């Protein structure tokens, strides 16, 4: 099979959570461009969901919108059950729930810590368990991609629960991959770096984001589509022999403190 054929997703049906905007939307669009039909989930009352559905349908793919709060176990199971009921079967899950609040460790509210863990780690468990049970029941394998973060490896200040949740998500992914390998379910994670999303633009000005992007080794912030293209690869036949793996997609974000000319000059002078 040729490379273009290996990367195609024609005939596949994918569920993308948090698919209304940002990284989830980028993943949904790239899966659609590769030929998949979509079920995209977002929170109840989402103002972005309908527009994302229209974009996908304009690419010539089928797309169903599902509102639902997957931060709760009941909501996650309900979304998966409705998705299966609406489209008959799922082949792909992109699990993208998250919630974060920046606050110092000493002042972090206990209830907010719980909310971050529930939304970012536990919701990934609940939605992936429901989809995996569907994969095993119908047979024929499946693909799961968790959207993790470079926060899983880098202890950013004022982000203690989010850092911990993403680190836990990576290890959860590896455990699921080990247990589901007999069923030929590929389970992997993507670690985005600094991605230009609506949430970032709500905090930083366009000028600040462009300025900070120029400081990265790749000279720009990432886009949701960058993450989506990585997801397409991981859920395609081209990645059939890849499972239990974390793929950083960060433009060298993790390397930014080691890539400056000044640091090189200092090392050469020692």
C-alpha atoms as a PDB file:
ATOM      1  CA  UNK A   1       0.000   0.000   0.000  1.00  0.00           C
ATOM      2  CA  UNK A   2       1.360   3.430  -0.938  1.00  0.00           C
ATOM      3  CA  UNK A   3       1.975   6.170   1.624  1.00  0.00           C
ATOM      4  CA  UNK A   4      -0.986   8.304   0.452  1.00  0.00           C
ATOM      5  CA  UNK A   5      -3.249   5.292   0.900  1.00  0.00           C
ATOM      6  CA  UNK A   6      -1.820   4.446   4.323  1.00  0.00           C
ATOM      7  CA  UNK A   7      -2.578   7.908   5.673  1.00  0.00           C
ATOM      8  CA  UNK A   8      -6.164   8.025   4.373  1.00  0.00           C
ATOM      9  CA  UNK A   9      -9.094   7.538   6.745  1.00  0.00           C
ATOM     10  CA  UNK A  10     -11.869   6.913   4.250  1.00  0.00           C
ATOM     11  CA  UNK A  11     -14.746   4.975   5.762  1.00  0.00           C
ATOM     12  CA  UNK A  12     -13.584   5.624   9.351  1.00  0.00           C
ATOM     13  CA  UNK A  13     -15.785   7.246  11.986  1.00  0.00           C
ATOM     14  CA  UNK A  14     -14.174   9.357  14.661  1.00  0.00           C
ATOM     15  CA  UNK A  15     -15.332  10.895  17.923  1.00  0.00           C
ATOM     16  CA  UNK A  16     -13.487  14.064  18.925  1.00  0.00           C
ATOM     17  CA  UNK A  17     -14.212  15.548  22.334  1.00  0.00           C
ATOM     18  CA  UNK A  18     -13.825  19.275  22.821  1.00  0.00           C
ATOM     19  CA  UNK A  19     -14.157  19.538  19.050  1.00  0.00           C
ATOM     20  CA  UNK A  20     -15.800  22.939  18.836  1.00  0.00           C
ATOM     21  CA  UNK A  21     -12.671  25.069  19.010  1.00  0.00           C
ATOM     22  CA  UNK A  22      -8.927  25.079  19.468  1.00  0.00           C
ATOM     23  CA  UNK A  23      -6.990  21.832  19.317  1.00  0.00           C
ATOM     24  CA  UNK A  24     -10.130  19.683  19.211  1.00  0.00           C
ATOM     25  CA  UNK A  25     -11.448  21.581  16.195  1.00  0.00           C
ATOM     26  CA  UNK A  26      -8.037  21.338  14.500  1.00  0.00           C
ATOM     27  CA  UNK A  27      -8.011  17.561  15.016  1.00  0.00           C
ATOM     28  CA  UNK A  28     -11.564  17.199  13.714  1.00  0.00           C
ATOM     29  CA  UNK A  29     -10.833  19.220  10.577  1.00  0.00           C
ATOM     30  CA  UNK A  30      -7.652  17.308   9.756  1.00  0.00           C
ATOM     31  CA  UNK A  31      -9.377  13.951  10.286  1.00  0.00           C
ATOM     32  CA  UNK A  32     -12.101  15.122   7.915  1.00  0.00           C
ATOM     33  CA  UNK A  33      -9.548  16.216   5.319  1.00  0.00           C
ATOM     34  CA  UNK A  34      -8.077  12.707   5.522  1.00  0.00           C
ATOM     35  CA  UNK A  35     -11.489  11.196   4.761  1.00  0.00           C
ATOM     36  CA  UNK A  36     -13.031  10.405   8.160  1.00  0.00           C
ATOM     37  CA  UNK A  37     -16.617  11.154   9.125  1.00  0.00           C
ATOM     38  CA  UNK A  38     -16.973  12.903  12.472  1.00  0.00           C
ATOM     39  CA  UNK A  39     -18.920  13.055  15.676  1.00  0.00           C
ATOM     40  CA  UNK A  40     -17.750  16.121  17.575  1.00  0.00           C
ATOM     41  CA  UNK A  41     -18.598  16.810  21.180  1.00  0.00           C
ATOM     42  CA  UNK A  42     -18.488  20.055  23.103  1.00  0.00           C
ATOM     43  CA  UNK A  43     -19.922  21.371  26.342  1.00  0.00           C
ATOM     44  CA  UNK A  44     -23.654  22.124  26.560  1.00  0.00           C
ATOM     45  CA  UNK A  45     -24.439  25.548  25.153  1.00  0.00           C
ATOM     46  CA  UNK A  46     -21.209  25.717  23.139  1.00  0.00           C
ATOM     47  CA  UNK A  47     -21.197  28.670  20.769  1.00  0.00           C
ATOM     48  CA  UNK A  48     -18.556  27.019  18.578  1.00  0.00           C
ATOM     49  CA  UNK A  49     -19.993  23.586  17.868  1.00  0.00           C
ATOM     50  CA  UNK A  50     -22.343  24.462  15.002  1.00  0.00           C
ATOM     51  CA  UNK A  51     -19.661  26.421  13.139  1.00  0.00           C
ATOM     52  CA  UNK A  52     -17.204  23.504  13.440  1.00  0.00           C
ATOM     53  CA  UNK A  53     -19.837  21.101  12.091  1.00  0.00           C
ATOM     54  CA  UNK A  54     -20.429  23.390   9.102  1.00  0.00           C
ATOM     55  CA  UNK A  55     -16.693  23.540   8.367  1.00  0.00           C
ATOM     56  CA  UNK A  56     -16.435  19.763   8.358  1.00  0.00           C
ATOM     57  CA  UNK A  57     -19.499  19.309   6.186  1.00  0.00           C
ATOM     58  CA  UNK A  58     -18.097  21.854   3.745  1.00  0.00           C
ATOM     59  CA  UNK A  59     -15.158  19.462   3.329  1.00  0.00           C
ATOM     60  CA  UNK A  60     -17.611  16.856   2.071  1.00  0.00           C
ATOM     61  CA  UNK A  61     -17.653  14.714   5.213  1.00  0.00           C
ATOM     62  CA  UNK A  62     -20.546  13.703   7.443  1.00  0.00           C
ATOM     63  CA  UNK A  63     -20.514  15.329  10.865  1.00  0.00           C
ATOM     64  CA  UNK A  64     -22.788  15.108  13.896  1.00  0.00           C
ATOM     65  CA  UNK A  65     -22.691  17.506  16.840  1.00  0.00           C
ATOM     66  CA  UNK A  66     -23.146  16.142  20.350  1.00  0.00           C
ATOM     67  CA  UNK A  67     -23.445  18.460  23.304  1.00  0.00           C
ATOM     68  CA  UNK A  68     -22.517  16.857  26.598  1.00  0.00           C
ATOM     69  CA  UNK A  69     -20.471  17.407  29.736  1.00  0.00           C
ATOM     70  CA  UNK A  70     -17.787  14.731  29.611  1.00  0.00           C
ATOM     71  CA  UNK A  71     -16.205  16.133  32.775  1.00  0.00           C
ATOM     72  CA  UNK A  72     -18.631  13.848  34.610  1.00  0.00           C
ATOM     73  CA  UNK A  73     -18.569  10.025  34.332  1.00  0.00           C
ATOM     74  CA  UNK A  74     -22.249   9.935  33.375  1.00  0.00           C
ATOM     75  CA  UNK A  75     -21.756  12.615  30.743  1.00  0.00           C
ATOM     76  CA  UNK A  76     -18.779  10.842  29.184  1.00  0.00           C
ATOM     77  CA  UNK A  77     -20.555   7.491  28.971  1.00  0.00           C
ATOM     78  CA  UNK A  78     -23.681   9.170  27.639  1.00  0.00           C
ATOM     79  CA  UNK A  79     -21.817  10.973  24.850  1.00  0.00           C
ATOM     80  CA  UNK A  80     -20.142   7.758  23.710  1.00  0.00           C
ATOM     81  CA  UNK A  81     -23.404   5.810  23.806  1.00  0.00           C
ATOM     82  CA  UNK A  82     -25.204   8.476  21.785  1.00  0.00           C
ATOM     83  CA  UNK A  83     -22.351   8.656  19.271  1.00  0.00           C
ATOM     84  CA  UNK A  84     -22.487   4.902  18.703  1.00  0.00           C
ATOM     85  CA  UNK A  85     -26.267   5.021  18.468  1.00  0.00           C
ATOM     86  CA  UNK A  86     -26.158   7.822  15.892  1.00  0.00           C
ATOM     87  CA  UNK A  87     -23.434   6.482  13.580  1.00  0.00           C
ATOM     88  CA  UNK A  88     -23.468   2.732  14.288  1.00  0.00           C
ATOM     89  CA  UNK A  89     -19.802   2.279  15.129  1.00  0.00           C
ATOM     90  CA  UNK A  90     -16.686   4.226  16.065  1.00  0.00           C
ATOM     91  CA  UNK A  91     -13.172   3.551  14.808  1.00  0.00           C
ATOM     92  CA  UNK A  92     -11.266   6.487  16.313  1.00  0.00           C
ATOM     93  CA  UNK A  93     -11.309   8.493  19.522  1.00  0.00           C
ATOM     94  CA  UNK A  94      -9.452  11.769  20.003  1.00  0.00           C
ATOM     95  CA  UNK A  95      -9.796  12.477  23.727  1.00  0.00           C
ATOM     96  CA  UNK A  96      -9.305  16.172  24.362  1.00  0.00           C
ATOM     97  CA  UNK A  97     -10.965  17.254  27.632  1.00  0.00           C
ATOM     98  CA  UNK A  98      -9.095  19.664  29.888  1.00  0.00           C
ATOM     99  CA  UNK A  99      -9.516  22.451  32.399  1.00  0.00           C
ATOM    100  CA  UNK A 100      -6.798  24.614  33.889  1.00  0.00           C
ATOM    101  CA  UNK A 101      -6.455  27.500  36.296  1.00  0.00           C
ATOM    102  CA  UNK A 102      -3.174  29.234  37.043  1.00  0.00           C
ATOM    103  CA  UNK A 103      -2.566  29.778  40.744  1.00  0.00           C
ATOM    104  CA  UNK A 104       0.345  29.338  43.131  1.00  0.00           C
ATOM    105  CA  UNK A 105       0.688  26.008  44.886  1.00  0.00           C
ATOM    106  CA  UNK A 106       0.409  27.601  48.324  1.00  0.00           C
ATOM    107  CA  UNK A 107      -2.859  29.337  47.452  1.00  0.00           C
ATOM    108  CA  UNK A 108      -4.433  26.752  45.150  1.00  0.00           C
ATOM    109  CA  UNK A 109      -8.090  26.140  46.151  1.00  0.00           C
ATOM    110  CA  UNK A 110      -8.772  22.520  47.036  1.00  0.00           C
ATOM    111  CA  UNK A 111     -12.029  22.391  45.086  1.00  0.00           C
ATOM    112  CA  UNK A 112     -10.341  23.847  41.981  1.00  0.00           C
ATOM    113  CA  UNK A 113      -7.571  21.241  42.215  1.00  0.00           C
ATOM    114  CA  UNK A 114     -10.256  18.542  42.178  1.00  0.00           C
ATOM    115  CA  UNK A 115     -11.964  20.154  39.181  1.00  0.00           C
ATOM    116  CA  UNK A 116      -8.734  20.196  37.151  1.00  0.00           C
ATOM    117  CA  UNK A 117      -8.041  16.532  37.933  1.00  0.00           C
ATOM    118  CA  UNK A 118     -11.642  15.549  37.161  1.00  0.00           C
ATOM    119  CA  UNK A 119     -11.708  17.430  33.868  1.00  0.00           C
ATOM    120  CA  UNK A 120      -8.204  16.695  32.607  1.00  0.00           C
ATOM    121  CA  UNK A 121      -7.392  13.189  33.882  1.00  0.00           C
ATOM    122  CA  UNK A 122     -10.521  11.411  35.053  1.00  0.00           C
ATOM    123  CA  UNK A 123     -12.647  12.477  32.079  1.00  0.00           C
ATOM    124  CA  UNK A 124     -10.021  10.995  29.762  1.00  0.00           C
ATOM    125  CA  UNK A 125     -10.350   7.728  31.655  1.00  0.00           C
ATOM    126  CA  UNK A 126     -14.154   7.665  31.464  1.00  0.00           C
ATOM    127  CA  UNK A 127     -14.521   8.513  27.783  1.00  0.00           C
ATOM    128  CA  UNK A 128     -11.705   6.193  26.667  1.00  0.00           C
ATOM    129  CA  UNK A 129     -13.069   3.324  28.763  1.00  0.00           C
ATOM    130  CA  UNK A 130     -16.514   3.683  27.170  1.00  0.00           C
ATOM    131  CA  UNK A 131     -15.065   3.809  23.653  1.00  0.00           C
ATOM    132  CA  UNK A 132     -12.694   0.915  24.357  1.00  0.00           C
ATOM    133  CA  UNK A 133     -15.543  -1.269  25.544  1.00  0.00           C
ATOM    134  CA  UNK A 134     -17.262  -0.530  22.233  1.00  0.00           C
ATOM    135  CA  UNK A 135     -14.070  -1.424  20.312  1.00  0.00           C
ATOM    136  CA  UNK A 136     -13.706  -4.738  22.124  1.00  0.00           C
ATOM    137  CA  UNK A 137     -17.382  -5.644  21.783  1.00  0.00           C
ATOM    138  CA  UNK A 138     -17.514  -5.018  18.027  1.00  0.00           C
ATOM    139  CA  UNK A 139     -14.037  -6.443  17.313  1.00  0.00           C
ATOM    140  CA  UNK A 140     -11.666  -5.225  14.646  1.00  0.00           C
ATOM    141  CA  UNK A 141      -9.409  -2.965  16.695  1.00  0.00           C
ATOM    142  CA  UNK A 142      -9.501   0.798  17.028  1.00  0.00           C
ATOM    143  CA  UNK A 143      -7.438   3.935  17.559  1.00  0.00           C
ATOM    144  CA  UNK A 144      -7.243   6.229  20.586  1.00  0.00           C
ATOM    145  CA  UNK A 145      -5.256   9.449  20.804  1.00  0.00           C
ATOM    146  CA  UNK A 146      -5.092  11.439  24.039  1.00  0.00           C
ATOM    147  CA  UNK A 147      -4.230  15.121  23.853  1.00  0.00           C
ATOM    148  CA  UNK A 148      -1.657  15.529  26.602  1.00  0.00           C
ATOM    149  CA  UNK A 149       0.765  18.466  26.993  1.00  0.00           C
ATOM    150  CA  UNK A 150       4.410  19.344  27.464  1.00  0.00           C
ATOM    151  CA  UNK A 151       3.203  20.215  30.984  1.00  0.00           C
ATOM    152  CA  UNK A 152       3.397  16.464  31.610  1.00  0.00           C
ATOM    153  CA  UNK A 153       7.189  16.738  31.542  1.00  0.00           C
ATOM    154  CA  UNK A 154       7.884  20.378  32.412  1.00  0.00           C
ATOM    155  CA  UNK A 155       6.929  21.605  35.917  1.00  0.00           C
ATOM    156  CA  UNK A 156       5.494  24.970  34.995  1.00  0.00           C
ATOM    157  CA  UNK A 157       4.895  27.157  38.050  1.00  0.00           C
ATOM    158  CA  UNK A 158       1.304  27.962  39.035  1.00  0.00           C
ATOM    159  CA  UNK A 159       0.030  24.852  37.232  1.00  0.00           C
ATOM    160  CA  UNK A 160       0.457  22.078  39.810  1.00  0.00           C
ATOM    161  CA  UNK A 161      -2.804  20.146  39.195  1.00  0.00           C
ATOM    162  CA  UNK A 162      -2.675  20.542  35.409  1.00  0.00           C
ATOM    163  CA  UNK A 163       0.939  19.361  35.292  1.00  0.00           C
ATOM    164  CA  UNK A 164       0.053  16.370  37.458  1.00  0.00           C
ATOM    165  CA  UNK A 165      -3.072  15.566  35.451  1.00  0.00           C
ATOM    166  CA  UNK A 166      -1.214  15.542  32.139  1.00  0.00           C
ATOM    167  CA  UNK A 167       1.615  13.409  33.573  1.00  0.00           C
ATOM    168  CA  UNK A 168      -1.010  11.003  34.877  1.00  0.00           C
ATOM    169  CA  UNK A 169      -2.728  10.994  31.497  1.00  0.00           C
ATOM    170  CA  UNK A 170       0.488   9.851  29.810  1.00  0.00           C
ATOM    171  CA  UNK A 171       0.873   6.929  32.195  1.00  0.00           C
ATOM    172  CA  UNK A 172      -2.821   6.097  31.928  1.00  0.00           C
ATOM    173  CA  UNK A 173      -2.363   5.969  28.149  1.00  0.00           C
ATOM    174  CA  UNK A 174       0.545   3.539  28.424  1.00  0.00           C
ATOM    175  CA  UNK A 175      -1.404   1.258  30.750  1.00  0.00           C
ATOM    176  CA  UNK A 176      -4.428   1.257  28.450  1.00  0.00           C
ATOM    177  CA  UNK A 177      -2.148   0.519  25.487  1.00  0.00           C
ATOM    178  CA  UNK A 178      -0.676  -2.486  27.291  1.00  0.00           C
ATOM    179  CA  UNK A 179      -4.079  -3.884  28.246  1.00  0.00           C
ATOM    180  CA  UNK A 180      -5.719  -3.327  24.858  1.00  0.00           C
ATOM    181  CA  UNK A 181      -2.899  -4.628  22.662  1.00  0.00           C
ATOM    182  CA  UNK A 182      -4.500  -8.110  22.409  1.00  0.00           C
ATOM    183  CA  UNK A 183      -7.531  -6.395  20.866  1.00  0.00           C
ATOM    184  CA  UNK A 184      -5.371  -4.465  18.372  1.00  0.00           C
ATOM    185  CA  UNK A 185      -6.378  -1.092  19.769  1.00  0.00           C
ATOM    186  CA  UNK A 186      -3.597   1.448  19.249  1.00  0.00           C
ATOM    187  CA  UNK A 187      -3.375   3.941  22.114  1.00  0.00           C
ATOM    188  CA  UNK A 188      -1.062   6.948  21.960  1.00  0.00           C
ATOM    189  CA  UNK A 189      -0.780  10.544  23.157  1.00  0.00           C
ATOM    190  CA  UNK A 190       0.260  13.862  21.653  1.00  0.00           C
ATOM    191  CA  UNK A 191       2.032  16.516  23.710  1.00  0.00           C
ATOM    192  CA  UNK A 192       1.307  19.937  22.217  1.00  0.00           C
ATOM    193  CA  UNK A 193       3.585  22.810  23.100  1.00  0.00           C
ATOM    194  CA  UNK A 194       2.429  26.414  22.969  1.00  0.00           C
ATOM    195  CA  UNK A 195      -0.476  26.396  20.520  1.00  0.00           C
ATOM    196  CA  UNK A 196      -2.282  29.462  19.144  1.00  0.00           C
ATOM    197  CA  UNK A 197      -5.848  28.812  20.315  1.00  0.00           C
ATOM    198  CA  UNK A 198      -8.805  31.009  21.303  1.00  0.00           C
ATOM    199  CA  UNK A 199      -8.006  30.356  24.967  1.00  0.00           C
ATOM    200  CA  UNK A 200      -4.490  31.735  24.493  1.00  0.00           C
ATOM    201  CA  UNK A 201      -5.840  34.775  22.647  1.00  0.00           C
ATOM    202  CA  UNK A 202      -8.197  35.429  25.532  1.00  0.00           C
ATOM    203  CA  UNK A 203      -5.157  35.816  27.787  1.00  0.00           C
ATOM    204  CA  UNK A 204      -2.471  37.264  25.473  1.00  0.00           C
ATOM    205  CA  UNK A 205      -2.601  39.873  22.731  1.00  0.00           C
ATOM    206  CA  UNK A 206      -1.837  38.891  19.134  1.00  0.00           C
ATOM    207  CA  UNK A 207       1.376  40.900  19.362  1.00  0.00           C
ATOM    208  CA  UNK A 208       2.485  39.056  22.487  1.00  0.00           C
ATOM    209  CA  UNK A 209       1.787  35.670  20.939  1.00  0.00           C
ATOM    210  CA  UNK A 210       3.734  36.565  17.802  1.00  0.00           C
ATOM    211  CA  UNK A 211       6.621  37.883  19.888  1.00  0.00           C
ATOM    212  CA  UNK A 212       6.762  34.792  22.085  1.00  0.00           C
ATOM    213  CA  UNK A 213       6.436  32.526  19.065  1.00  0.00           C
ATOM    214  CA  UNK A 214       9.547  34.044  17.518  1.00  0.00           C
ATOM    215  CA  UNK A 215      11.497  32.941  20.612  1.00  0.00           C
ATOM    216  CA  UNK A 216      10.763  29.265  19.984  1.00  0.00           C
ATOM    217  CA  UNK A 217      13.190  27.118  17.951  1.00  0.00           C
ATOM    218  CA  UNK A 218      10.656  26.879  15.101  1.00  0.00           C
ATOM    219  CA  UNK A 219      10.040  30.612  15.154  1.00  0.00           C
ATOM    220  CA  UNK A 220       6.278  30.457  15.691  1.00  0.00           C
ATOM    221  CA  UNK A 221       3.562  29.105  17.935  1.00  0.00           C
ATOM    222  CA  UNK A 222       1.907  25.888  16.866  1.00  0.00           C
ATOM    223  CA  UNK A 223      -1.509  25.760  15.246  1.00  0.00           C
ATOM    224  CA  UNK A 224      -4.407  23.429  16.053  1.00  0.00           C
ATOM    225  CA  UNK A 225      -3.895  21.966  12.578  1.00  0.00           C
ATOM    226  CA  UNK A 226      -0.320  20.981  13.503  1.00  0.00           C
ATOM    227  CA  UNK A 227      -1.776  18.822  16.265  1.00  0.00           C
ATOM    228  CA  UNK A 228      -4.500  17.528  13.959  1.00  0.00           C
ATOM    229  CA  UNK A 229      -1.993  16.319  11.368  1.00  0.00           C
ATOM    230  CA  UNK A 230      -0.121  14.395  14.051  1.00  0.00           C
ATOM    231  CA  UNK A 231      -3.415  12.853  15.153  1.00  0.00           C
ATOM    232  CA  UNK A 232      -4.179  11.798  11.570  1.00  0.00           C
ATOM    233  CA  UNK A 233      -0.856   9.977  11.414  1.00  0.00           C
ATOM    234  CA  UNK A 234      -1.356   8.190  14.721  1.00  0.00           C
ATOM    235  CA  UNK A 235      -4.855   6.947  13.838  1.00  0.00           C
ATOM    236  CA  UNK A 236      -3.914   5.901  10.299  1.00  0.00           C
ATOM    237  CA  UNK A 237      -2.615   2.581   8.981  1.00  0.00           C
ATOM    238  CA  UNK A 238       0.794   4.252   8.659  1.00  0.00           C
ATOM    239  CA  UNK A 239       1.076   4.081  12.471  1.00  0.00           C
ATOM    240  CA  UNK A 240      -0.188   0.504  12.822  1.00  0.00           C
ATOM    241  CA  UNK A 241       2.959  -0.567  14.711  1.00  0.00           C
ATOM    242  CA  UNK A 242       2.911   2.375  17.140  1.00  0.00           C
ATOM    243  CA  UNK A 243       1.184   2.067  20.504  1.00  0.00           C
ATOM    244  CA  UNK A 244       1.891   3.314  24.029  1.00  0.00           C
ATOM    245  CA  UNK A 245       3.861   6.271  22.675  1.00  0.00           C
ATOM    246  CA  UNK A 246       3.920   9.976  23.544  1.00  0.00           C
ATOM    247  CA  UNK A 247       4.557  12.207  20.516  1.00  0.00           C
ATOM    248  CA  UNK A 248       5.645  15.784  21.326  1.00  0.00           C
ATOM    249  CA  UNK A 249       4.390  18.270  18.717  1.00  0.00           C
ATOM    250  CA  UNK A 250       5.861  21.477  20.055  1.00  0.00           C
ATOM    251  CA  UNK A 251       8.165  23.133  17.502  1.00  0.00           C
ATOM    252  CA  UNK A 252      11.061  22.446  19.860  1.00  0.00           C
ATOM    253  CA  UNK A 253       9.383  24.128  22.840  1.00  0.00           C
ATOM    254  CA  UNK A 254      11.081  21.677  25.213  1.00  0.00           C
ATOM    255  CA  UNK A 255      14.449  22.646  23.701  1.00  0.00           C
ATOM    256  CA  UNK A 256      14.068  26.419  23.711  1.00  0.00           C
ATOM    257  CA  UNK A 257      16.481  26.991  26.589  1.00  0.00           C
ATOM    258  CA  UNK A 258      19.162  24.994  24.787  1.00  0.00           C
ATOM    259  CA  UNK A 259      18.898  26.518  21.328  1.00  0.00           C
ATOM    260  CA  UNK A 260      20.091  30.113  21.773  1.00  0.00           C
ATOM    261  CA  UNK A 261      23.177  31.439  20.051  1.00  0.00           C
ATOM    262  CA  UNK A 262      24.292  33.094  23.288  1.00  0.00           C
ATOM    263  CA  UNK A 263      24.382  29.778  25.132  1.00  0.00           C
ATOM    264  CA  UNK A 264      26.379  28.214  22.306  1.00  0.00           C
ATOM    265  CA  UNK A 265      28.888  31.039  22.410  1.00  0.00           C
ATOM    266  CA  UNK A 266      29.352  30.646  26.155  1.00  0.00           C
ATOM    267  CA  UNK A 267      29.956  26.924  25.790  1.00  0.00           C
ATOM    268  CA  UNK A 268      32.473  27.446  23.020  1.00  0.00           C
ATOM    269  CA  UNK A 269      34.417  29.862  25.220  1.00  0.00           C
ATOM    270  CA  UNK A 270      34.806  27.445  28.129  1.00  0.00           C
END
